[in-house]
Amino acid sequence: MTHHGVVSIAIVRACLVVLLTTACLGAAPARGDDGSAAASSSAAADQGVVPIAALTGNFWSRPVLTGDWGGPRADLARKGVQFDLGFTQVVQSVVDGGRDTGTRYGGNLDLVVNIDLMRMGLMPGAFVKLRAESRYGQSVNGIAGPILPVNTVSDFPLGSELDETI
């Protein structure tokens, strides 16, 4: 891993610790039009910029693989912190033509954190989105020989050389 990758991971970890601590300790209560505390936490949870996805349901029908973890993930979402982790693996081969033939394996990891400042009661209509991407392995982009990449998932984030492991 390059020095830049280590710095990026440290920054993402620090941001996540601050955000999760803020959400877990509880942000300021949502205020009504008259300045009083909102009557119910469910009403405050409904007032946010980023909608809360349905985290429950059976394995085959829910939109997220791991569900709501028995409640903590849904609680964090109601407090304004939602996150998603995507993991893509790719195995591709060039069997004929191209600059060379061969099989390559690689993929990417994508972390997205949405911090709904409105739902936290900090700033109406505001949210912060953090995104961290990483890729690993190699793609057939270097051996296939086309002008456009045949696998854009393995093309970003870019290294200094084609198919350089970041």
N, C-alpha and C. Protein backbone atom coordinates (compact mmCIF):
# COMPACT_ATOMS: atom_id res chain seq x y z
N MET A 1 0.86 -1.18 0.00
CA MET A 1 0.00 0.00 0.00
C MET A 1 0.89 1.23 0.00
N THR A 2 0.50 2.20 -0.78
CA THR A 2 1.29 3.42 -0.87
C THR A 2 1.07 4.30 0.35
N HIS A 3 1.94 5.28 0.51
CA HIS A 3 1.83 6.22 1.62
C HIS A 3 0.51 6.98 1.56
N HIS A 4 0.06 7.34 0.35
CA HIS A 4 -1.20 8.07 0.19
C HIS A 4 -2.37 7.22 0.65
N GLY A 5 -2.32 5.90 0.40
CA GLY A 5 -3.39 5.01 0.84
C GLY A 5 -3.49 4.96 2.35
N VAL A 6 -2.34 4.93 3.03
CA VAL A 6 -2.32 4.89 4.49
C VAL A 6 -2.90 6.19 5.05
N VAL A 7 -2.53 7.33 4.46
CA VAL A 7 -3.05 8.62 4.91
C VAL A 7 -4.56 8.67 4.70
N SER A 8 -5.04 8.22 3.53
CA SER A 8 -6.47 8.24 3.23
C SER A 8 -7.25 7.39 4.22
N ILE A 9 -6.74 6.20 4.54
CA ILE A 9 -7.42 5.33 5.49
C ILE A 9 -7.47 5.98 6.86
N ALA A 10 -6.39 6.63 7.28
CA ALA A 10 -6.37 7.29 8.59
C ALA A 10 -7.38 8.43 8.64
N ILE A 11 -7.52 9.18 7.55
CA ILE A 11 -8.48 10.28 7.51
C ILE A 11 -9.90 9.75 7.57
N VAL A 12 -10.19 8.70 6.80
CA VAL A 12 -11.53 8.11 6.81
C VAL A 12 -11.86 7.57 8.19
N ARG A 13 -10.92 6.89 8.82
CA ARG A 13 -11.16 6.35 10.18
C ARG A 13 -11.45 7.48 11.17
N ALA A 14 -10.68 8.55 11.11
CA ALA A 14 -10.89 9.67 12.03
C ALA A 14 -12.27 10.30 11.81
N CYS A 15 -12.67 10.48 10.56
CA CYS A 15 -14.00 11.05 10.27
C CYS A 15 -15.10 10.14 10.78
N LEU A 16 -14.95 8.84 10.57
CA LEU A 16 -15.98 7.90 11.04
C LEU A 16 -16.09 7.90 12.55
N VAL A 17 -14.96 7.95 13.25
CA VAL A 17 -15.00 7.97 14.72
C VAL A 17 -15.73 9.21 15.21
N VAL A 18 -15.42 10.38 14.65
CA VAL A 18 -16.07 11.62 15.06
C VAL A 18 -17.57 11.56 14.78
N LEU A 19 -17.94 11.10 13.59
CA LEU A 19 -19.35 11.07 13.21
C LEU A 19 -20.15 10.06 14.02
N LEU A 20 -19.60 8.87 14.20
CA LEU A 20 -20.32 7.86 14.97
C LEU A 20 -20.44 8.27 16.44
N THR A 21 -19.40 8.90 16.97
CA THR A 21 -19.47 9.39 18.35
C THR A 21 -20.55 10.44 18.49
N THR A 22 -20.61 11.37 17.54
CA THR A 22 -21.64 12.41 17.57
C THR A 22 -23.03 11.79 17.51
N ALA A 23 -23.21 10.82 16.63
CA ALA A 23 -24.53 10.19 16.48
C ALA A 23 -24.90 9.37 17.71
N CYS A 24 -23.94 8.63 18.26
CA CYS A 24 -24.23 7.78 19.40
C CYS A 24 -24.51 8.58 20.67
N LEU A 25 -23.81 9.68 20.85
CA LEU A 25 -24.05 10.50 22.03
C LEU A 25 -25.33 11.30 21.92
N GLY A 26 -25.81 11.43 20.70
CA GLY A 26 -27.07 12.14 20.48
C GLY A 26 -26.83 13.59 20.17
N ALA A 27 -27.34 14.00 19.05
CA ALA A 27 -27.23 15.40 18.65
C ALA A 27 -28.29 16.20 19.38
N ALA A 28 -28.26 17.49 19.16
CA ALA A 28 -29.26 18.36 19.76
C ALA A 28 -30.65 17.94 19.30
N PRO A 29 -31.65 18.02 20.18
CA PRO A 29 -32.98 17.60 19.76
C PRO A 29 -33.53 18.50 18.67
N ALA A 30 -34.34 17.90 17.80
CA ALA A 30 -34.97 18.69 16.75
C ALA A 30 -35.92 19.70 17.37
N ARG A 31 -36.01 20.88 16.80
CA ARG A 31 -36.85 21.96 17.34
C ARG A 31 -38.05 22.18 16.44
N GLY A 32 -39.14 22.49 17.03
CA GLY A 32 -40.35 22.83 16.29
C GLY A 32 -40.30 24.27 15.84
N ASP A 33 -41.34 24.73 15.15
CA ASP A 33 -41.38 26.11 14.67
C ASP A 33 -41.36 27.13 15.80
N ASP A 34 -41.89 26.74 16.96
CA ASP A 34 -41.93 27.67 18.09
C ASP A 34 -40.69 27.60 18.96
N GLY A 35 -39.66 26.81 18.56
CA GLY A 35 -38.42 26.71 19.32
C GLY A 35 -38.44 25.63 20.37
N SER A 36 -39.58 24.96 20.59
CA SER A 36 -39.64 23.90 21.58
C SER A 36 -39.11 22.60 21.00
N ALA A 37 -38.74 21.68 21.87
CA ALA A 37 -38.26 20.38 21.42
C ALA A 37 -39.38 19.66 20.70
N ALA A 38 -39.02 18.90 19.68
CA ALA A 38 -40.03 18.17 18.90
C ALA A 38 -40.74 17.18 19.81
N ALA A 39 -42.02 16.94 19.51
CA ALA A 39 -42.84 16.10 20.37
C ALA A 39 -42.40 14.64 20.39
N SER A 40 -41.95 14.14 19.25
CA SER A 40 -41.55 12.73 19.25
C SER A 40 -40.30 12.55 18.42
N SER A 41 -39.52 11.52 18.78
CA SER A 41 -38.29 11.27 18.05
C SER A 41 -38.60 10.73 16.66
N SER A 42 -39.73 10.05 16.47
CA SER A 42 -40.06 9.54 15.14
C SER A 42 -40.39 10.68 14.20
N ALA A 43 -40.99 11.76 14.69
CA ALA A 43 -41.26 12.92 13.85
C ALA A 43 -39.95 13.59 13.45
N ALA A 44 -39.01 13.66 14.37
CA ALA A 44 -37.71 14.24 14.07
C ALA A 44 -36.95 13.37 13.07
N ALA A 45 -37.08 12.06 13.20
CA ALA A 45 -36.39 11.15 12.29
C ALA A 45 -36.94 11.24 10.88
N ASP A 46 -38.21 11.61 10.74
CA ASP A 46 -38.81 11.76 9.42
C ASP A 46 -38.33 13.02 8.72
N GLN A 47 -37.79 13.97 9.46
CA GLN A 47 -37.33 15.23 8.88
C GLN A 47 -35.84 15.15 8.60
N GLY A 48 -35.51 14.75 7.40
CA GLY A 48 -34.11 14.66 7.04
C GLY A 48 -33.94 14.83 5.55
N VAL A 49 -32.71 15.09 5.14
CA VAL A 49 -32.42 15.27 3.73
C VAL A 49 -32.30 13.91 3.04
N VAL A 50 -31.62 12.97 3.67
CA VAL A 50 -31.40 11.65 3.10
C VAL A 50 -32.47 10.70 3.63
N PRO A 51 -33.27 10.08 2.74
CA PRO A 51 -34.29 9.14 3.22
C PRO A 51 -33.65 7.91 3.86
N ILE A 52 -34.34 7.32 4.82
CA ILE A 52 -33.86 6.12 5.49
C ILE A 52 -34.39 4.91 4.74
N ALA A 53 -33.49 4.06 4.28
CA ALA A 53 -33.87 2.85 3.56
C ALA A 53 -34.48 1.84 4.53
N ALA A 54 -35.38 1.03 4.02
CA ALA A 54 -35.96 -0.05 4.83
C ALA A 54 -34.87 -1.09 5.07
N LEU A 55 -34.48 -1.28 6.32
CA LEU A 55 -33.38 -2.17 6.65
C LEU A 55 -33.85 -3.55 7.11
N THR A 56 -35.15 -3.70 7.30
CA THR A 56 -35.67 -4.97 7.80
C THR A 56 -36.28 -5.77 6.65
N GLY A 57 -36.72 -6.94 6.97
CA GLY A 57 -37.32 -7.82 5.97
C GLY A 57 -36.47 -9.07 5.84
N ASN A 58 -36.97 -10.00 5.03
CA ASN A 58 -36.21 -11.22 4.88
C ASN A 58 -34.99 -10.98 3.99
N PHE A 59 -34.08 -11.91 4.02
CA PHE A 59 -32.81 -11.80 3.33
C PHE A 59 -32.96 -11.50 1.84
N TRP A 60 -33.97 -12.06 1.20
CA TRP A 60 -34.14 -11.95 -0.24
C TRP A 60 -34.82 -10.65 -0.68
N SER A 61 -35.50 -9.97 0.23
CA SER A 61 -36.26 -8.79 -0.19
C SER A 61 -35.72 -7.46 0.34
N ARG A 62 -34.89 -7.47 1.36
CA ARG A 62 -34.38 -6.20 1.90
C ARG A 62 -33.30 -5.63 0.99
N PRO A 63 -33.16 -4.30 0.95
CA PRO A 63 -32.20 -3.66 0.04
C PRO A 63 -30.75 -3.73 0.50
N VAL A 64 -30.50 -4.10 1.76
CA VAL A 64 -29.13 -4.20 2.26
C VAL A 64 -28.88 -5.62 2.73
N LEU A 65 -27.68 -6.12 2.49
CA LEU A 65 -27.35 -7.51 2.79
C LEU A 65 -27.44 -7.84 4.27
N THR A 66 -26.88 -7.00 5.12
CA THR A 66 -26.77 -7.34 6.54
C THR A 66 -27.91 -6.83 7.41
N GLY A 67 -28.91 -6.21 6.81
CA GLY A 67 -30.08 -5.77 7.59
C GLY A 67 -29.78 -4.65 8.56
N ASP A 68 -30.54 -4.60 9.66
CA ASP A 68 -30.38 -3.49 10.62
C ASP A 68 -29.58 -3.90 11.85
N TRP A 69 -28.98 -5.07 11.85
CA TRP A 69 -28.13 -5.58 12.93
C TRP A 69 -28.86 -5.65 14.26
N GLY A 70 -30.14 -5.93 14.21
CA GLY A 70 -30.93 -6.01 15.43
C GLY A 70 -31.30 -4.67 16.02
N GLY A 71 -31.15 -3.60 15.25
CA GLY A 71 -31.56 -2.27 15.70
C GLY A 71 -30.52 -1.17 15.64
N PRO A 72 -29.22 -1.43 15.92
CA PRO A 72 -28.25 -0.33 15.96
C PRO A 72 -28.10 0.42 14.64
N ARG A 73 -28.17 -0.27 13.52
CA ARG A 73 -28.01 0.41 12.23
C ARG A 73 -29.19 1.35 11.97
N ALA A 74 -30.39 0.90 12.32
CA ALA A 74 -31.57 1.75 12.16
C ALA A 74 -31.52 2.94 13.12
N ASP A 75 -31.02 2.73 14.35
CA ASP A 75 -30.88 3.83 15.31
C ASP A 75 -29.91 4.88 14.79
N LEU A 76 -28.78 4.45 14.24
CA LEU A 76 -27.82 5.40 13.68
C LEU A 76 -28.44 6.18 12.53
N ALA A 77 -29.22 5.50 11.68
CA ALA A 77 -29.87 6.18 10.55
C ALA A 77 -30.85 7.24 11.05
N ARG A 78 -31.62 6.92 12.09
CA ARG A 78 -32.56 7.90 12.64
C ARG A 78 -31.83 9.08 13.28
N LYS A 79 -30.59 8.85 13.73
CA LYS A 79 -29.79 9.93 14.32
C LYS A 79 -28.98 10.69 13.27
N GLY A 80 -29.05 10.25 12.01
CA GLY A 80 -28.42 11.00 10.94
C GLY A 80 -27.19 10.39 10.29
N VAL A 81 -26.80 9.17 10.66
CA VAL A 81 -25.62 8.56 10.07
C VAL A 81 -26.01 7.29 9.34
N GLN A 82 -25.79 7.27 8.03
CA GLN A 82 -26.06 6.09 7.22
C GLN A 82 -24.80 5.76 6.43
N PHE A 83 -24.52 4.48 6.28
CA PHE A 83 -23.34 4.10 5.51
C PHE A 83 -23.64 2.87 4.67
N ASP A 84 -22.85 2.74 3.64
CA ASP A 84 -23.01 1.62 2.71
C ASP A 84 -21.62 1.18 2.27
N LEU A 85 -21.44 -0.11 2.17
CA LEU A 85 -20.16 -0.67 1.76
C LEU A 85 -20.41 -1.55 0.53
N GLY A 86 -19.71 -1.25 -0.55
CA GLY A 86 -19.84 -2.04 -1.76
C GLY A 86 -18.54 -2.76 -2.05
N PHE A 87 -18.64 -4.02 -2.46
CA PHE A 87 -17.47 -4.84 -2.73
C PHE A 87 -17.70 -5.53 -4.06
N THR A 88 -16.85 -5.24 -5.05
CA THR A 88 -17.00 -5.81 -6.38
C THR A 88 -15.75 -6.60 -6.73
N GLN A 89 -15.94 -7.82 -7.21
CA GLN A 89 -14.84 -8.66 -7.66
C GLN A 89 -15.02 -8.96 -9.14
N VAL A 90 -13.93 -8.93 -9.88
CA VAL A 90 -14.00 -9.13 -11.33
C VAL A 90 -12.91 -10.11 -11.76
N VAL A 91 -13.30 -11.13 -12.51
CA VAL A 91 -12.35 -12.03 -13.17
C VAL A 91 -12.65 -11.93 -14.66
N GLN A 92 -11.65 -11.53 -15.44
CA GLN A 92 -11.82 -11.39 -16.89
C GLN A 92 -10.65 -12.02 -17.61
N SER A 93 -10.94 -12.46 -18.83
CA SER A 93 -9.89 -13.06 -19.67
C SER A 93 -9.92 -12.47 -21.06
N VAL A 94 -8.75 -12.35 -21.66
CA VAL A 94 -8.62 -12.07 -23.08
C VAL A 94 -8.18 -13.40 -23.69
N VAL A 95 -9.05 -13.99 -24.49
CA VAL A 95 -8.74 -15.33 -25.03
C VAL A 95 -8.23 -15.27 -26.46
N ASP A 96 -8.47 -14.16 -27.17
CA ASP A 96 -8.01 -14.06 -28.55
C ASP A 96 -7.90 -12.58 -28.91
N GLY A 97 -6.89 -12.24 -29.66
CA GLY A 97 -6.70 -10.85 -30.06
C GLY A 97 -6.08 -10.05 -28.94
N GLY A 98 -6.22 -8.75 -29.00
CA GLY A 98 -5.65 -7.88 -27.98
C GLY A 98 -4.14 -7.82 -28.07
N ARG A 99 -3.51 -7.21 -27.12
CA ARG A 99 -2.05 -7.12 -27.07
C ARG A 99 -1.43 -8.38 -26.50
N ASP A 100 -2.23 -9.10 -25.70
CA ASP A 100 -1.76 -10.33 -25.07
C ASP A 100 -3.00 -11.12 -24.66
N THR A 101 -2.83 -12.36 -24.26
CA THR A 101 -3.94 -13.14 -23.72
C THR A 101 -3.65 -13.45 -22.27
N GLY A 102 -4.69 -13.69 -21.51
CA GLY A 102 -4.51 -14.03 -20.10
C GLY A 102 -5.73 -13.68 -19.29
N THR A 103 -5.69 -14.07 -18.04
CA THR A 103 -6.78 -13.85 -17.11
C THR A 103 -6.29 -12.94 -15.99
N ARG A 104 -7.13 -12.02 -15.58
CA ARG A 104 -6.79 -11.09 -14.50
C ARG A 104 -7.93 -11.07 -13.48
N TYR A 105 -7.54 -10.90 -12.21
CA TYR A 105 -8.51 -10.80 -11.12
C TYR A 105 -8.28 -9.50 -10.37
N GLY A 106 -9.35 -8.83 -10.03
CA GLY A 106 -9.26 -7.60 -9.26
C GLY A 106 -10.64 -7.15 -8.83
N GLY A 107 -10.73 -5.96 -8.35
CA GLY A 107 -12.01 -5.43 -7.93
C GLY A 107 -11.84 -4.13 -7.19
N ASN A 108 -12.92 -3.71 -6.54
CA ASN A 108 -12.85 -2.47 -5.76
C ASN A 108 -13.73 -2.54 -4.54
N LEU A 109 -13.43 -1.64 -3.62
CA LEU A 109 -14.16 -1.49 -2.37
C LEU A 109 -14.61 -0.05 -2.30
N ASP A 110 -15.87 0.18 -1.98
CA ASP A 110 -16.45 1.52 -2.01
C ASP A 110 -17.21 1.74 -0.71
N LEU A 111 -16.83 2.73 0.07
CA LEU A 111 -17.49 3.08 1.32
C LEU A 111 -18.14 4.45 1.17
N VAL A 112 -19.44 4.54 1.46
CA VAL A 112 -20.16 5.81 1.40
C VAL A 112 -20.80 6.05 2.77
N VAL A 113 -20.57 7.23 3.33
CA VAL A 113 -21.16 7.62 4.60
C VAL A 113 -21.96 8.90 4.37
N ASN A 114 -23.25 8.87 4.69
CA ASN A 114 -24.11 10.05 4.61
C ASN A 114 -24.37 10.55 6.01
N ILE A 115 -24.06 11.80 6.27
CA ILE A 115 -24.31 12.42 7.56
C ILE A 115 -25.39 13.48 7.35
N ASP A 116 -26.56 13.20 7.84
CA ASP A 116 -27.71 14.09 7.67
C ASP A 116 -27.74 15.09 8.82
N LEU A 117 -27.22 16.29 8.56
CA LEU A 117 -27.14 17.31 9.61
C LEU A 117 -28.52 17.83 10.01
N MET A 118 -29.48 17.72 9.10
CA MET A 118 -30.85 18.12 9.44
C MET A 118 -31.46 17.14 10.44
N ARG A 119 -31.26 15.85 10.18
CA ARG A 119 -31.80 14.83 11.08
C ARG A 119 -31.10 14.89 12.45
N MET A 120 -29.85 15.32 12.48
CA MET A 120 -29.12 15.47 13.74
C MET A 120 -29.55 16.71 14.50
N GLY A 121 -30.31 17.58 13.84
CA GLY A 121 -30.76 18.80 14.48
C GLY A 121 -29.69 19.89 14.49
N LEU A 122 -28.70 19.78 13.61
CA LEU A 122 -27.60 20.74 13.59
C LEU A 122 -27.77 21.85 12.56
N MET A 123 -28.26 21.49 11.35
CA MET A 123 -28.38 22.49 10.30
C MET A 123 -29.49 22.07 9.34
N PRO A 124 -30.55 22.84 9.24
CA PRO A 124 -31.66 22.48 8.37
C PRO A 124 -31.25 22.37 6.90
N GLY A 125 -31.67 21.28 6.26
CA GLY A 125 -31.44 21.10 4.83
C GLY A 125 -30.02 20.73 4.44
N ALA A 126 -29.17 20.35 5.38
CA ALA A 126 -27.78 20.07 5.06
C ALA A 126 -27.41 18.62 5.34
N PHE A 127 -26.52 18.11 4.49
CA PHE A 127 -25.94 16.80 4.77
C PHE A 127 -24.53 16.75 4.18
N VAL A 128 -23.74 15.83 4.69
CA VAL A 128 -22.36 15.64 4.23
C VAL A 128 -22.24 14.21 3.74
N LYS A 129 -21.62 14.05 2.59
CA LYS A 129 -21.40 12.72 2.04
C LYS A 129 -19.90 12.48 1.95
N LEU A 130 -19.43 11.40 2.57
CA LEU A 130 -18.03 11.00 2.49
C LEU A 130 -17.96 9.73 1.66
N ARG A 131 -16.97 9.67 0.78
CA ARG A 131 -16.83 8.48 -0.05
C ARG A 131 -15.35 8.11 -0.11
N ALA A 132 -15.07 6.84 0.11
CA ALA A 132 -13.71 6.33 0.00
C ALA A 132 -13.73 5.15 -0.97
N GLU A 133 -12.80 5.16 -1.90
CA GLU A 133 -12.71 4.09 -2.89
C GLU A 133 -11.32 3.49 -2.87
N SER A 134 -11.27 2.21 -3.14
CA SER A 134 -10.00 1.53 -3.27
C SER A 134 -10.15 0.43 -4.30
N ARG A 135 -9.09 0.12 -4.98
CA ARG A 135 -9.15 -1.01 -5.90
C ARG A 135 -7.95 -1.90 -5.65
N TYR A 136 -8.05 -3.14 -6.08
CA TYR A 136 -6.97 -4.09 -5.87
C TYR A 136 -6.88 -5.00 -7.08
N GLY A 137 -5.79 -5.69 -7.18
CA GLY A 137 -5.60 -6.64 -8.26
C GLY A 137 -5.31 -5.97 -9.59
N GLN A 138 -5.62 -6.67 -10.67
CA GLN A 138 -5.38 -6.16 -12.01
C GLN A 138 -6.61 -6.36 -12.86
N SER A 139 -6.64 -5.65 -13.99
CA SER A 139 -7.72 -5.81 -14.95
C SER A 139 -7.12 -6.19 -16.30
N VAL A 140 -7.97 -6.53 -17.24
CA VAL A 140 -7.49 -6.85 -18.58
C VAL A 140 -7.31 -5.59 -19.42
N ASN A 141 -7.52 -4.41 -18.84
CA ASN A 141 -7.40 -3.17 -19.60
C ASN A 141 -6.02 -3.01 -20.24
N GLY A 142 -4.98 -3.46 -19.56
CA GLY A 142 -3.63 -3.32 -20.10
C GLY A 142 -3.29 -4.31 -21.19
N ILE A 143 -3.96 -5.46 -21.23
CA ILE A 143 -3.62 -6.48 -22.23
C ILE A 143 -4.66 -6.59 -23.35
N ALA A 144 -5.84 -6.01 -23.17
CA ALA A 144 -6.89 -6.13 -24.18
C ALA A 144 -6.60 -5.26 -25.40
N GLY A 145 -6.04 -4.07 -25.18
CA GLY A 145 -5.64 -3.21 -26.29
C GLY A 145 -6.67 -2.28 -26.88
N PRO A 146 -7.85 -2.09 -26.28
CA PRO A 146 -8.80 -1.16 -26.88
C PRO A 146 -8.48 0.29 -26.51
N ILE A 147 -9.15 1.22 -27.19
CA ILE A 147 -8.98 2.64 -26.88
C ILE A 147 -9.68 2.95 -25.56
N LEU A 148 -10.91 2.47 -25.39
CA LEU A 148 -11.65 2.66 -24.15
C LEU A 148 -11.46 1.44 -23.26
N PRO A 149 -11.44 1.62 -21.94
CA PRO A 149 -11.25 0.46 -21.05
C PRO A 149 -12.42 -0.52 -21.16
N VAL A 150 -12.11 -1.81 -21.09
CA VAL A 150 -13.15 -2.83 -21.13
C VAL A 150 -13.74 -3.05 -19.74
N ASN A 151 -13.06 -2.55 -18.71
CA ASN A 151 -13.51 -2.72 -17.33
C ASN A 151 -13.28 -1.41 -16.59
N THR A 152 -14.30 -0.58 -16.51
CA THR A 152 -14.14 0.71 -15.83
C THR A 152 -14.13 0.58 -14.32
N VAL A 153 -14.69 -0.50 -13.78
CA VAL A 153 -14.66 -0.71 -12.33
C VAL A 153 -13.22 -0.81 -11.85
N SER A 154 -12.39 -1.49 -12.62
CA SER A 154 -10.98 -1.66 -12.24
C SER A 154 -10.09 -0.53 -12.73
N ASP A 155 -10.68 0.50 -13.29
CA ASP A 155 -9.90 1.61 -13.81
C ASP A 155 -9.80 2.77 -12.82
N PHE A 156 -10.63 2.79 -11.78
CA PHE A 156 -10.64 3.89 -10.82
C PHE A 156 -10.55 3.37 -9.41
N PRO A 157 -9.91 4.03 -8.50
CA PRO A 157 -9.09 5.21 -8.69
C PRO A 157 -7.82 4.87 -9.44
N LEU A 158 -7.33 5.82 -10.22
CA LEU A 158 -6.17 5.61 -11.08
C LEU A 158 -4.87 5.62 -10.29
N GLY A 159 -3.95 4.77 -10.70
CA GLY A 159 -2.60 4.80 -10.18
C GLY A 159 -1.72 5.52 -11.17
N SER A 160 -0.44 5.57 -10.95
CA SER A 160 0.45 6.25 -11.89
C SER A 160 0.67 5.42 -13.14
N GLU A 161 0.44 4.09 -13.06
CA GLU A 161 0.55 3.22 -14.22
C GLU A 161 -0.70 2.39 -14.34
N LEU A 162 -1.02 1.98 -15.58
CA LEU A 162 -2.18 1.14 -15.81
C LEU A 162 -2.05 -0.16 -15.02
N ASP A 163 -3.09 -0.54 -14.34
CA ASP A 163 -3.16 -1.76 -13.52
C ASP A 163 -2.22 -1.76 -12.33
N GLU A 164 -1.69 -0.62 -11.94
CA GLU A 164 -0.87 -0.56 -10.74
C GLU A 164 -1.77 -0.83 -9.53
N THR A 165 -1.33 -1.69 -8.63
CA THR A 165 -2.09 -1.95 -7.42
C THR A 165 -1.93 -0.77 -6.48
N ILE A 166 -3.06 -0.25 -6.03
CA ILE A 166 -3.03 0.91 -5.14
C ILE A 166 -3.13 0.46 -3.70
